[in-house]
Amino acid sequence: MTIENAPISLSQYLTDSATLLSEAARKIPAELMNKAVDSCVAALRSGAPLLVCGNGGSAADAMHITGELVGRFRRERQGLRCICLADNPATITAWANDVGYDSIFARQVEAYGVKGGVLLLLTTSGQSPNLVLAAQKAHEMGMTNLGFTGKGGGALSPLCDIQIDAPGNSTADIQQVHICLYHYLCDRIEALSVTGLTNE
């Protein structure tokens, strides 16, 4: 085993993770997250959906977010209209098999999205064609694209109305930051949905 592949201690791993989150706290403006929260709350209050999508681990994160908002995060309140575009294997596999994988999310945006809604895209690279096509479709429909990205956002960046770019050099590092960011997003959406307040 080379030294590069040697496992680090739990203490060091957690310390490194804390350092990464501290970097995120310095680099991500609170105003940007407030804008993200307000766009989601405005959509949900109007009856428009919050659609969420991602690939791989980010697909699992999309399911996690949807579970928190349809169910509950910390507070008792009405269920929120949040739809994960990665959690219907029949739709995804049928469309991917018959038409193509690149448009699996765009097709669902077309089906579920409405003007004034929000599409939350989770990606560590920003290079996935299915996310780019989904964002393009959302713009065509008058939706807001909210991107949780890494490494600058790649090809998805120009399509994001709001982009929150997480620090980190690896997929795992970026996803660790994303988890904290979307837990905060869920908490703020839930709080504002309950109280009727805004971040303004």
Protein backbone atom coordinates (compact mmCIF):
# COMPACT_ATOMS: atom_id res chain seq x y z
CA MET A 1 0.00 0.00 0.00
CA THR A 2 1.40 3.39 -0.97
CA ILE A 3 1.23 6.28 1.44
CA GLU A 4 -1.30 8.03 -0.87
CA ASN A 5 -3.73 5.13 -0.39
CA ALA A 6 -3.21 4.75 3.34
CA PRO A 7 -6.41 5.36 5.33
CA ILE A 8 -6.49 8.40 7.56
CA SER A 9 -7.79 8.34 11.10
CA LEU A 10 -11.41 9.12 11.93
CA SER A 11 -10.25 12.18 13.86
CA GLN A 12 -8.33 13.50 10.85
CA TYR A 13 -11.21 12.79 8.48
CA LEU A 14 -13.67 14.69 10.65
CA THR A 15 -11.18 17.52 11.12
CA ASP A 16 -10.73 17.77 7.35
CA SER A 17 -14.52 17.81 6.91
CA ALA A 18 -14.87 20.59 9.48
CA THR A 19 -12.22 22.60 7.63
CA LEU A 20 -14.15 22.16 4.39
CA LEU A 21 -17.37 23.38 6.00
CA SER A 22 -15.55 26.37 7.45
CA GLU A 23 -14.36 27.21 3.94
CA ALA A 24 -17.95 26.97 2.70
CA ALA A 25 -19.07 29.32 5.48
CA ARG A 26 -16.50 31.89 4.33
CA LYS A 27 -17.16 31.58 0.60
CA ILE A 28 -20.94 31.17 0.26
CA PRO A 29 -22.80 34.45 0.88
CA ALA A 30 -25.82 34.26 3.18
CA GLU A 31 -27.65 36.54 0.75
CA LEU A 32 -27.31 33.93 -1.98
CA MET A 33 -28.84 31.23 0.18
CA ASN A 34 -31.61 33.64 1.22
CA LYS A 35 -32.37 34.17 -2.46
CA ALA A 36 -32.53 30.40 -2.98
CA VAL A 37 -34.85 29.96 -0.01
CA ASP A 38 -37.16 32.78 -1.07
CA SER A 39 -37.44 31.45 -4.63
CA CYS A 40 -38.48 28.02 -3.31
CA VAL A 41 -40.94 29.45 -0.79
CA ALA A 42 -42.52 31.76 -3.39
CA ALA A 43 -42.98 28.84 -5.78
CA LEU A 44 -44.49 26.58 -3.14
CA ARG A 45 -46.85 29.28 -1.85
CA SER A 46 -48.12 29.86 -5.39
CA GLY A 47 -48.87 26.17 -5.82
CA ALA A 48 -45.96 25.62 -8.19
CA PRO A 49 -43.74 22.61 -7.50
CA LEU A 50 -40.15 22.36 -6.37
CA LEU A 51 -38.59 19.72 -8.63
CA VAL A 52 -35.29 18.12 -7.58
CA CYS A 53 -32.86 16.02 -9.60
CA GLY A 54 -29.33 14.65 -9.64
CA ASN A 55 -27.34 11.55 -10.61
CA GLY A 56 -25.83 8.85 -8.41
CA GLY A 57 -25.22 10.13 -4.90
CA SER A 58 -26.88 13.39 -5.91
CA ALA A 59 -29.98 11.40 -6.91
CA ALA A 60 -30.03 10.00 -3.37
CA ASP A 61 -29.68 13.58 -2.08
CA ALA A 62 -32.61 14.63 -4.28
CA MET A 63 -34.71 11.89 -2.69
CA HIS A 64 -33.54 13.00 0.75
CA ILE A 65 -34.59 16.62 0.15
CA THR A 66 -37.98 15.53 -1.16
CA GLY A 67 -38.51 13.33 1.87
CA GLU A 68 -37.77 16.22 4.23
CA LEU A 69 -40.17 18.62 2.48
CA VAL A 70 -43.04 16.29 1.66
CA GLY A 71 -42.71 14.87 5.16
CA ARG A 72 -41.16 17.14 7.75
CA PHE A 73 -37.74 18.33 8.80
CA ARG A 74 -38.18 19.85 12.29
CA ARG A 75 -41.70 21.28 12.44
CA GLU A 76 -45.30 20.17 12.16
CA ARG A 77 -46.79 21.72 9.02
CA GLN A 78 -48.56 20.97 5.77
CA GLY A 79 -46.79 18.76 3.23
CA LEU A 80 -44.95 20.74 0.57
CA ARG A 81 -45.18 20.12 -3.18
CA CYS A 82 -41.71 18.75 -3.81
CA ILE A 83 -41.06 16.11 -6.47
CA CYS A 84 -37.88 14.08 -6.93
CA LEU A 85 -37.23 13.34 -10.59
CA ALA A 86 -34.86 10.48 -9.75
CA ASP A 87 -37.19 8.21 -7.79
CA ASN A 88 -39.44 6.63 -10.43
CA PRO A 89 -37.53 3.73 -11.99
CA ALA A 90 -40.37 2.81 -14.35
CA THR A 91 -40.43 6.29 -15.89
CA ILE A 92 -36.65 6.63 -15.97
CA THR A 93 -35.91 3.20 -17.46
CA ALA A 94 -38.74 3.35 -19.99
CA TRP A 95 -37.70 6.77 -21.29
CA ALA A 96 -33.98 5.95 -21.22
CA ASN A 97 -34.59 2.70 -23.10
CA ASP A 98 -37.03 4.07 -25.67
CA VAL A 99 -35.64 7.58 -26.22
CA GLY A 100 -32.40 8.21 -24.33
CA TYR A 101 -30.90 8.78 -20.91
CA ASP A 102 -29.91 12.39 -21.56
CA SER A 103 -33.54 13.58 -21.54
CA ILE A 104 -34.89 11.59 -18.55
CA PHE A 105 -35.15 14.70 -16.37
CA ALA A 106 -36.16 17.16 -19.11
CA ARG A 107 -39.14 14.94 -19.93
CA GLN A 108 -40.27 15.01 -16.30
CA VAL A 109 -39.76 18.77 -16.06
CA GLU A 110 -42.08 18.99 -19.06
CA ALA A 111 -44.62 16.78 -17.27
CA TYR A 112 -44.51 18.29 -13.77
CA GLY A 113 -43.08 21.77 -14.11
CA VAL A 114 -45.07 24.99 -14.34
CA LYS A 115 -44.19 28.62 -14.81
CA GLY A 116 -43.03 30.06 -11.49
CA GLY A 117 -41.77 26.72 -10.21
CA VAL A 118 -38.20 25.89 -9.19
CA LEU A 119 -35.88 23.19 -10.47
CA LEU A 120 -33.17 22.29 -7.95
CA LEU A 121 -30.23 20.62 -9.68
CA LEU A 122 -27.63 18.78 -7.60
CA THR A 123 -24.27 18.11 -9.24
CA THR A 124 -20.62 17.93 -8.27
CA SER A 125 -19.33 18.54 -11.81
CA GLY A 126 -22.06 20.39 -13.69
CA GLN A 127 -21.27 18.34 -16.79
CA SER A 128 -24.15 15.84 -16.86
CA PRO A 129 -26.14 16.19 -20.11
CA ASN A 130 -29.39 15.16 -18.44
CA LEU A 131 -29.11 18.03 -15.96
CA VAL A 132 -28.21 20.55 -18.66
CA LEU A 133 -31.20 19.52 -20.78
CA ALA A 134 -33.48 19.65 -17.73
CA ALA A 135 -32.30 23.18 -16.94
CA GLN A 136 -32.87 24.24 -20.54
CA LYS A 137 -36.42 22.84 -20.44
CA ALA A 138 -37.11 24.57 -17.12
CA HIS A 139 -36.05 27.93 -18.60
CA GLU A 140 -38.33 27.35 -21.59
CA MET A 141 -41.20 26.85 -19.15
CA GLY A 142 -40.46 29.96 -17.07
CA MET A 143 -39.05 28.15 -14.07
CA THR A 144 -36.15 29.17 -11.84
CA ASN A 145 -33.04 27.00 -11.96
CA LEU A 146 -31.33 26.61 -8.59
CA GLY A 147 -28.00 24.81 -8.84
CA PHE A 148 -26.07 23.24 -5.98
CA THR A 149 -22.79 22.69 -7.77
CA GLY A 150 -19.07 22.10 -7.32
CA LYS A 151 -15.91 22.99 -9.23
CA GLY A 152 -17.50 26.11 -10.70
CA GLY A 153 -20.63 24.43 -12.03
CA GLY A 154 -19.32 23.37 -15.46
CA ALA A 155 -21.75 23.45 -18.38
CA LEU A 156 -24.70 23.89 -16.00
CA SER A 157 -23.45 27.18 -14.55
CA PRO A 158 -24.75 29.51 -17.31
CA LEU A 159 -28.21 27.98 -16.95
CA CYS A 160 -28.47 28.60 -13.20
CA ASP A 161 -30.53 31.58 -12.06
CA ILE A 162 -29.14 30.94 -8.59
CA GLN A 163 -25.93 28.94 -8.18
CA ILE A 164 -24.45 27.85 -4.87
CA ASP A 165 -21.04 26.37 -5.58
CA ALA A 166 -19.58 24.17 -2.86
CA PRO A 167 -15.84 23.98 -2.20
CA GLY A 168 -14.06 20.63 -2.46
CA ASN A 169 -11.76 18.79 -4.83
CA SER A 170 -13.55 15.45 -4.83
CA THR A 171 -17.12 14.29 -5.38
CA ALA A 172 -17.35 13.13 -1.76
CA ASP A 173 -16.10 16.45 -0.38
CA ILE A 174 -18.57 18.47 -2.46
CA GLN A 175 -21.45 16.19 -1.48
CA GLN A 176 -20.61 16.62 2.21
CA VAL A 177 -21.04 20.36 1.80
CA HIS A 178 -24.20 19.87 -0.24
CA ILE A 179 -25.77 17.88 2.58
CA CYS A 180 -25.27 20.76 5.02
CA LEU A 181 -26.50 23.28 2.46
CA TYR A 182 -29.70 21.44 1.63
CA HIS A 183 -30.46 20.68 5.27
CA TYR A 184 -30.24 24.43 5.86
CA LEU A 185 -32.41 25.05 2.77
CA CYS A 186 -35.04 22.61 4.05
CA ASP A 187 -34.98 24.17 7.51
CA ARG A 188 -35.49 27.69 6.15
CA ILE A 189 -38.20 26.65 3.67
CA GLU A 190 -40.04 24.85 6.44
CA ALA A 191 -39.72 27.74 8.89
CA LEU A 192 -40.98 30.31 6.39
CA SER A 193 -43.78 28.01 5.25
CA VAL A 194 -44.95 27.78 8.86
CA THR A 195 -44.57 31.44 9.86
CA GLY A 196 -45.44 33.13 6.58
CA LEU A 197 -42.39 35.40 6.90
CA THR A 198 -39.75 36.12 4.27
CA ASN A 199 -36.01 36.64 4.38
CA GLU A 200 -36.41 40.27 3.24
